[in-house]
Amino acid sequence: RAAQAMVIGGKARALWQGRSHVTPEDIRKLALPVLRHRVLINYRAEAEGVTVDKIVSRLMETIKGPGA
C-alpha cells in the first residue's frame, strides 16, 4: 500500500506543480511522509537512537536515479 500511496501522491504532486508526469523528485519528497508510519524499528535500534526518519532519509540517500 505504501507504493500505491507514493504513486497516487506523486501524481497529485505533479499536477499541483503543473506537470502531467511524475518525477523522481516527487517521489523523494513523498518518501518520508508515506513511509514514516510503515517502517518499524526494533528495541535495539530505538536504544541506539535510530529513528524511522533517519532510516527513510538514509534509504533515499542511497537510491540513485535521475536528478539525484
Protein backbone atom coordinates (compact mmCIF):
# COMPACT_ATOMS: atom_id res chain seq x y z
CA ARG A 1 0.00 0.00 0.00
CA ALA A 2 2.92 2.35 0.51
CA ALA A 3 3.85 2.01 -3.16
CA GLN A 4 0.28 2.86 -4.13
CA ALA A 5 0.34 5.90 -1.87
CA MET A 6 3.59 7.08 -3.43
CA VAL A 7 2.23 6.66 -6.96
CA ILE A 8 -1.00 8.49 -6.20
CA GLY A 9 0.83 11.14 -4.19
CA GLY A 10 3.38 11.57 -6.97
CA LYS A 11 0.62 12.13 -9.49
CA ALA A 12 -1.09 14.64 -7.21
CA ARG A 13 2.18 16.49 -6.55
CA ALA A 14 2.98 16.60 -10.27
CA LEU A 15 -0.45 18.03 -11.07
CA TRP A 16 -0.07 20.54 -8.24
CA GLN A 17 3.22 21.60 -9.83
CA GLY A 18 1.54 21.95 -13.24
CA ARG A 19 3.06 18.81 -14.77
CA SER A 20 1.42 15.76 -16.30
CA HIS A 21 4.25 13.41 -15.29
CA VAL A 22 5.81 12.26 -12.03
CA THR A 23 9.49 12.96 -11.45
CA PRO A 24 11.95 11.24 -9.12
CA GLU A 25 11.91 14.43 -7.05
CA ASP A 26 8.17 13.96 -6.47
CA ILE A 27 8.85 10.52 -5.05
CA ARG A 28 11.73 11.79 -2.89
CA LYS A 29 9.51 14.49 -1.40
CA LEU A 30 6.82 11.93 -0.56
CA ALA A 31 9.05 9.18 0.80
CA LEU A 32 9.22 10.38 4.39
CA PRO A 33 5.52 11.18 4.91
CA VAL A 34 4.42 7.97 3.18
CA LEU A 35 6.95 5.59 4.74
CA ARG A 36 7.15 7.14 8.20
CA HIS A 37 4.31 5.02 9.60
CA ARG A 38 5.14 1.90 7.56
CA VAL A 39 8.68 1.31 8.83
CA LEU A 40 9.02 -0.25 12.26
CA ILE A 41 12.18 -0.21 14.36
CA ASN A 42 13.14 -2.74 16.99
CA TYR A 43 14.12 -2.04 20.59
CA ARG A 44 17.84 -2.17 19.84
CA ALA A 45 17.55 0.48 17.14
CA GLU A 46 15.46 2.62 19.44
CA ALA A 47 18.05 2.29 22.22
CA GLU A 48 20.78 3.33 19.78
CA GLY A 49 18.86 6.44 18.76
CA VAL A 50 17.89 5.19 15.31
CA THR A 51 14.61 6.71 14.14
CA VAL A 52 12.30 5.89 11.28
CA ASP A 53 13.04 9.32 9.80
CA LYS A 54 16.77 8.52 9.81
CA ILE A 55 16.17 5.17 8.13
CA VAL A 56 13.98 6.62 5.37
CA SER A 57 16.37 9.54 4.84
CA ARG A 58 19.31 7.16 4.57
CA LEU A 59 17.36 4.99 2.14
CA MET A 60 16.64 7.98 -0.08
CA GLU A 61 20.33 8.97 0.00
CA THR A 62 21.41 5.53 -1.20
CA ILE A 63 18.88 5.30 -4.03
CA LYS A 64 20.43 6.66 -7.18
CA GLY A 65 18.35 7.97 -10.03
CA PRO A 66 17.85 10.82 -12.45
CA GLY A 67 18.08 14.12 -10.62
CA ALA A 68 19.64 12.54 -7.54
